[in-house]
């Protein structure tokens, strides 16, 4: 076999190895990114679990009673 064949074969092996190395690196980074996202979601869920409950807005349960003072009458009834 000629020297040209060996040169092309060696170049193909080297380039193929580099392509495989890049693909492996991309997959490893994607897996690590998924782990970090999962960890972040768990931390957010934990923070929401221990957060104080949301308070109700200024709505009154009784429709006839206003939640805010009526300022048009000077505050007296």
Protein backbone atom coordinates (compact mmCIF):
# COMPACT_ATOMS: atom_id res chain seq x y z
CA UNK A 1 0.00 0.00 0.00
CA UNK A 2 1.12 3.49 -0.66
CA UNK A 3 2.11 6.23 1.70
CA UNK A 4 -0.89 8.27 0.52
CA UNK A 5 -3.29 5.57 1.76
CA UNK A 6 -1.68 5.53 5.20
CA UNK A 7 -1.81 9.33 5.41
CA UNK A 8 -5.52 9.41 4.47
CA UNK A 9 -6.30 6.56 6.87
CA UNK A 10 -4.45 8.25 9.75
CA UNK A 11 -6.13 11.58 9.04
CA UNK A 12 -9.54 9.86 8.98
CA UNK A 13 -8.88 8.16 12.31
CA UNK A 14 -7.75 11.41 13.92
CA UNK A 15 -10.71 13.42 12.57
CA UNK A 16 -13.14 10.66 13.52
CA UNK A 17 -11.74 10.62 17.05
CA UNK A 18 -12.11 14.37 17.30
CA UNK A 19 -15.73 14.18 16.14
CA UNK A 20 -16.47 11.48 18.72
CA UNK A 21 -14.76 13.52 21.42
CA UNK A 22 -16.84 16.61 20.57
CA UNK A 23 -20.07 14.58 20.56
CA UNK A 24 -19.20 13.01 23.92
CA UNK A 25 -18.40 16.42 25.38
CA UNK A 26 -21.70 17.86 24.18
CA UNK A 27 -23.64 14.94 25.66
CA UNK A 28 -21.77 15.23 28.97
CA UNK A 29 -22.47 18.97 29.18
CA UNK A 30 -26.14 18.39 28.36
CA UNK A 31 -26.43 15.77 31.09
CA UNK A 32 -24.74 18.07 33.61
CA UNK A 33 -27.07 20.91 32.57
CA UNK A 34 -30.08 18.66 33.14
CA UNK A 35 -28.79 17.80 36.61
CA UNK A 36 -28.40 21.49 37.44
CA UNK A 37 -31.92 22.25 36.18
CA UNK A 38 -33.35 19.43 38.27
CA UNK A 39 -31.49 20.71 41.33
CA UNK A 40 -32.77 24.24 40.70
CA UNK A 41 -36.37 22.99 40.39
CA UNK A 42 -36.02 21.09 43.67
CA UNK A 43 -34.68 24.19 45.42
CA UNK A 44 -37.53 26.32 44.07
CA UNK A 45 -40.08 23.72 45.19
CA UNK A 46 -38.48 23.59 48.63
CA UNK A 47 -38.57 27.39 48.89
CA UNK A 48 -42.26 27.43 47.92
CA UNK A 49 -42.99 24.67 50.41
CA UNK A 50 -41.62 26.70 53.33
CA UNK A 51 -42.88 30.07 52.11
CA UNK A 52 -45.60 31.80 54.14
CA UNK A 53 -49.10 31.32 52.75
CA UNK A 54 -50.44 33.94 50.39
CA UNK A 55 -52.76 36.44 52.04
CA UNK A 56 -56.18 37.23 50.67
CA UNK A 57 -56.75 40.39 48.74
CA UNK A 58 -59.00 43.11 50.15
CA UNK A 59 -62.22 41.34 49.25
CA UNK A 60 -64.85 40.93 51.87
CA UNK A 61 -66.69 37.65 52.36
CA UNK A 62 -69.92 39.58 52.99
CA UNK A 63 -70.99 41.35 49.80
CA UNK A 64 -72.81 44.12 51.70
CA UNK A 65 -69.71 45.14 53.67
CA UNK A 66 -67.03 47.09 51.83
CA UNK A 67 -63.42 46.04 52.33
CA UNK A 68 -62.24 49.67 52.15
CA UNK A 69 -63.69 52.58 54.13
CA UNK A 70 -66.17 54.69 52.26
CA UNK A 71 -64.45 58.08 51.99
CA UNK A 72 -67.35 59.83 50.32
CA UNK A 73 -69.26 60.09 53.65
CA UNK A 74 -66.33 61.35 55.66
CA UNK A 75 -65.73 57.99 57.30
CA UNK A 76 -68.89 58.13 59.47
CA UNK A 77 -72.13 56.26 58.98
